[in-house]
Amino acid sequence: MTMRGLALREISTRHWFRVLFKEMNVGIINGLAIALTTGVAVLLWSGNSGLALVICIAMVLSMVIAGVAGAVIPIALTRLGQDPAQSSTIVLTTVTDVAGFLSFLGIATLLSRLL
């Protein structure tokens, strides 16, 4: 959405905080919906509530980080004079992949006694 807004000149780099806040809220809502769905599936499949909790927390965290990165990276690239449509996909993919792995593995490590 940030890329579209920048391309259509509906938002500018001055609006970064408003866009960041909006994308963070969307990430929380999406994360909770996906976490609930995935958590129930994991609980039914494995019968392990600790694993379901780890998956749920990691999903919410990953979705929030993805939303924030999806808002900040195109705006930052625009401020740096780069074309966000050309450059942001690889950076955004890397950030979301690393955040997903680290959030899942980090939370699993912290809550390993529940697994």
C-alpha atoms as a PDB file:
ATOM      1  CA  MET A   1       0.000   0.000   0.000  1.00  0.00           C
ATOM      2  CA  THR A   2       2.879   2.341   0.697  1.00  0.00           C
ATOM      3  CA  MET A   3       4.343   1.714  -2.747  1.00  0.00           C
ATOM      4  CA  ARG A   4       0.993   2.479  -4.364  1.00  0.00           C
ATOM      5  CA  GLY A   5       0.578   5.620  -2.287  1.00  0.00           C
ATOM      6  CA  LEU A   6       4.048   6.846  -3.229  1.00  0.00           C
ATOM      7  CA  ALA A   7       3.517   6.045  -6.916  1.00  0.00           C
ATOM      8  CA  LEU A   8       0.167   7.857  -7.037  1.00  0.00           C
ATOM      9  CA  ARG A   9       1.533  10.692  -4.906  1.00  0.00           C
ATOM     10  CA  GLU A  10      -1.161  10.116  -2.306  1.00  0.00           C
ATOM     11  CA  ILE A  11       1.487  10.078   0.429  1.00  0.00           C
ATOM     12  CA  SER A  12       4.855  11.702   0.736  1.00  0.00           C
ATOM     13  CA  THR A  13       7.886  11.070   2.876  1.00  0.00           C
ATOM     14  CA  ARG A  14       6.497  13.615   5.370  1.00  0.00           C
ATOM     15  CA  HIS A  15       3.687  11.185   6.218  1.00  0.00           C
ATOM     16  CA  TRP A  16       6.008   8.407   7.347  1.00  0.00           C
ATOM     17  CA  PHE A  17       4.794   8.326  10.966  1.00  0.00           C
ATOM     18  CA  ARG A  18       1.109   8.154  10.019  1.00  0.00           C
ATOM     19  CA  VAL A  19       1.810   5.412   7.462  1.00  0.00           C
ATOM     20  CA  LEU A  20       3.971   3.522   9.962  1.00  0.00           C
ATOM     21  CA  PHE A  21       1.259   3.645  12.640  1.00  0.00           C
ATOM     22  CA  LYS A  22      -1.431   2.528  10.196  1.00  0.00           C
ATOM     23  CA  GLU A  23       0.637  -0.386   8.879  1.00  0.00           C
ATOM     24  CA  MET A  24       1.546  -1.429  12.415  1.00  0.00           C
ATOM     25  CA  ASN A  25      -2.145  -1.591  13.327  1.00  0.00           C
ATOM     26  CA  VAL A  26      -2.921  -3.605  10.203  1.00  0.00           C
ATOM     27  CA  GLY A  27      -0.043  -5.938  11.074  1.00  0.00           C
ATOM     28  CA  ILE A  28      -1.458  -6.486  14.546  1.00  0.00           C
ATOM     29  CA  ILE A  29      -4.945  -7.244  13.216  1.00  0.00           C
ATOM     30  CA  ASN A  30      -3.652  -9.563  10.483  1.00  0.00           C
ATOM     31  CA  GLY A  31      -1.233 -11.186  12.904  1.00  0.00           C
ATOM     32  CA  LEU A  32      -3.965 -11.905  15.420  1.00  0.00           C
ATOM     33  CA  ALA A  33      -6.246 -13.395  12.758  1.00  0.00           C
ATOM     34  CA  ILE A  34      -3.508 -15.577  11.307  1.00  0.00           C
ATOM     35  CA  ALA A  35      -2.224 -16.506  14.773  1.00  0.00           C
ATOM     36  CA  LEU A  36      -5.670 -17.620  15.873  1.00  0.00           C
ATOM     37  CA  THR A  37      -6.185 -19.739  12.765  1.00  0.00           C
ATOM     38  CA  THR A  38      -2.703 -21.236  12.831  1.00  0.00           C
ATOM     39  CA  GLY A  39      -2.692 -21.708  16.591  1.00  0.00           C
ATOM     40  CA  VAL A  40      -5.929 -23.691  16.509  1.00  0.00           C
ATOM     41  CA  ALA A  41      -4.617 -25.831  13.643  1.00  0.00           C
ATOM     42  CA  VAL A  42      -1.334 -26.518  15.457  1.00  0.00           C
ATOM     43  CA  LEU A  43      -3.164 -27.328  18.677  1.00  0.00           C
ATOM     44  CA  LEU A  44      -5.480 -29.773  16.896  1.00  0.00           C
ATOM     45  CA  TRP A  45      -2.624 -31.311  14.927  1.00  0.00           C
ATOM     46  CA  SER A  46      -0.012 -31.660  17.658  1.00  0.00           C
ATOM     47  CA  GLY A  47      -2.001 -31.384  20.858  1.00  0.00           C
ATOM     48  CA  ASN A  48       0.792 -29.212  22.288  1.00  0.00           C
ATOM     49  CA  SER A  49      -0.460 -25.897  23.646  1.00  0.00           C
ATOM     50  CA  GLY A  50       3.100 -24.626  24.133  1.00  0.00           C
ATOM     51  CA  LEU A  51       3.861 -25.065  20.436  1.00  0.00           C
ATOM     52  CA  ALA A  52       0.584 -23.358  19.542  1.00  0.00           C
ATOM     53  CA  LEU A  53       1.520 -20.423  21.808  1.00  0.00           C
ATOM     54  CA  VAL A  54       4.965 -20.117  20.221  1.00  0.00           C
ATOM     55  CA  ILE A  55       3.434 -20.141  16.734  1.00  0.00           C
ATOM     56  CA  CYS A  56       0.811 -17.535  17.703  1.00  0.00           C
ATOM     57  CA  ILE A  57       3.291 -15.102  19.223  1.00  0.00           C
ATOM     58  CA  ALA A  58       5.716 -15.540  16.333  1.00  0.00           C
ATOM     59  CA  MET A  59       2.946 -14.932  13.780  1.00  0.00           C
ATOM     60  CA  VAL A  60       1.823 -11.688  15.400  1.00  0.00           C
ATOM     61  CA  LEU A  61       5.392 -10.464  15.758  1.00  0.00           C
ATOM     62  CA  SER A  62       6.270 -11.386  12.175  1.00  0.00           C
ATOM     63  CA  MET A  63       3.201  -9.672  10.756  1.00  0.00           C
ATOM     64  CA  VAL A  64       3.854  -6.482  12.726  1.00  0.00           C
ATOM     65  CA  ILE A  65       7.487  -6.406  11.596  1.00  0.00           C
ATOM     66  CA  ALA A  66       6.422  -7.067   7.989  1.00  0.00           C
ATOM     67  CA  GLY A  67       3.892  -4.225   8.140  1.00  0.00           C
ATOM     68  CA  VAL A  68       6.384  -1.795   9.632  1.00  0.00           C
ATOM     69  CA  ALA A  69       9.084  -2.780   7.145  1.00  0.00           C
ATOM     70  CA  GLY A  70       6.614  -2.548   4.271  1.00  0.00           C
ATOM     71  CA  ALA A  71       5.883   1.036   5.256  1.00  0.00           C
ATOM     72  CA  VAL A  72       9.350   2.217   6.220  1.00  0.00           C
ATOM     73  CA  ILE A  73      11.516   0.686   3.489  1.00  0.00           C
ATOM     74  CA  PRO A  74       9.830   2.328   0.464  1.00  0.00           C
ATOM     75  CA  ILE A  75       9.694   5.694   2.231  1.00  0.00           C
ATOM     76  CA  ALA A  76      13.349   5.428   3.290  1.00  0.00           C
ATOM     77  CA  LEU A  77      14.418   4.492  -0.236  1.00  0.00           C
ATOM     78  CA  THR A  78      12.468   7.444  -1.618  1.00  0.00           C
ATOM     79  CA  ARG A  79      14.189   9.764   0.868  1.00  0.00           C
ATOM     80  CA  LEU A  80      17.549   8.352  -0.233  1.00  0.00           C
ATOM     81  CA  GLY A  81      16.744   9.138  -3.858  1.00  0.00           C
ATOM     82  CA  GLN A  82      16.315   5.510  -4.934  1.00  0.00           C
ATOM     83  CA  ASP A  83      13.436   3.990  -6.856  1.00  0.00           C
ATOM     84  CA  PRO A  84      11.401   2.118  -4.227  1.00  0.00           C
ATOM     85  CA  ALA A  85       9.601  -0.010  -6.816  1.00  0.00           C
ATOM     86  CA  GLN A  86      12.895  -1.396  -8.006  1.00  0.00           C
ATOM     87  CA  SER A  87      14.770  -1.752  -4.740  1.00  0.00           C
ATOM     88  CA  SER A  88      12.320  -2.366  -1.931  1.00  0.00           C
ATOM     89  CA  THR A  89      11.206  -5.888  -2.838  1.00  0.00           C
ATOM     90  CA  ILE A  90      14.537  -7.552  -2.148  1.00  0.00           C
ATOM     91  CA  VAL A  91      15.099  -5.594   1.062  1.00  0.00           C
ATOM     92  CA  LEU A  92      11.543  -6.202   2.268  1.00  0.00           C
ATOM     93  CA  THR A  93      11.746  -9.921   1.504  1.00  0.00           C
ATOM     94  CA  THR A  94      15.015 -10.202   3.390  1.00  0.00           C
ATOM     95  CA  VAL A  95      13.690  -8.307   6.416  1.00  0.00           C
ATOM     96  CA  THR A  96      10.481 -10.340   6.622  1.00  0.00           C
ATOM     97  CA  ASP A  97      12.289 -13.672   6.192  1.00  0.00           C
ATOM     98  CA  VAL A  98      14.897 -12.873   8.822  1.00  0.00           C
ATOM     99  CA  ALA A  99      12.257 -11.501  11.198  1.00  0.00           C
ATOM    100  CA  GLY A 100      10.088 -14.579  10.726  1.00  0.00           C
ATOM    101  CA  PHE A 101      12.892 -17.017  11.417  1.00  0.00           C
ATOM    102  CA  LEU A 102      14.282 -15.066  14.347  1.00  0.00           C
ATOM    103  CA  SER A 103      10.898 -14.455  15.943  1.00  0.00           C
ATOM    104  CA  PHE A 104       9.881 -18.106  15.710  1.00  0.00           C
ATOM    105  CA  LEU A 105      13.215 -19.541  16.809  1.00  0.00           C
ATOM    106  CA  GLY A 106      13.761 -16.880  19.471  1.00  0.00           C
ATOM    107  CA  ILE A 107      10.343 -17.342  21.024  1.00  0.00           C
ATOM    108  CA  ALA A 108      10.720 -21.126  20.824  1.00  0.00           C
ATOM    109  CA  THR A 109      14.035 -20.817  22.658  1.00  0.00           C
ATOM    110  CA  LEU A 110      12.547 -18.551  25.327  1.00  0.00           C
ATOM    111  CA  LEU A 111       9.543 -20.824  25.823  1.00  0.00           C
ATOM    112  CA  SER A 112      11.345 -24.125  25.292  1.00  0.00           C
ATOM    113  CA  ARG A 113      10.181 -25.463  28.643  1.00  0.00           C
ATOM    114  CA  LEU A 114       6.601 -25.425  27.295  1.00  0.00           C
ATOM    115  CA  LEU A 115       7.462 -27.495  24.261  1.00  0.00           C
END
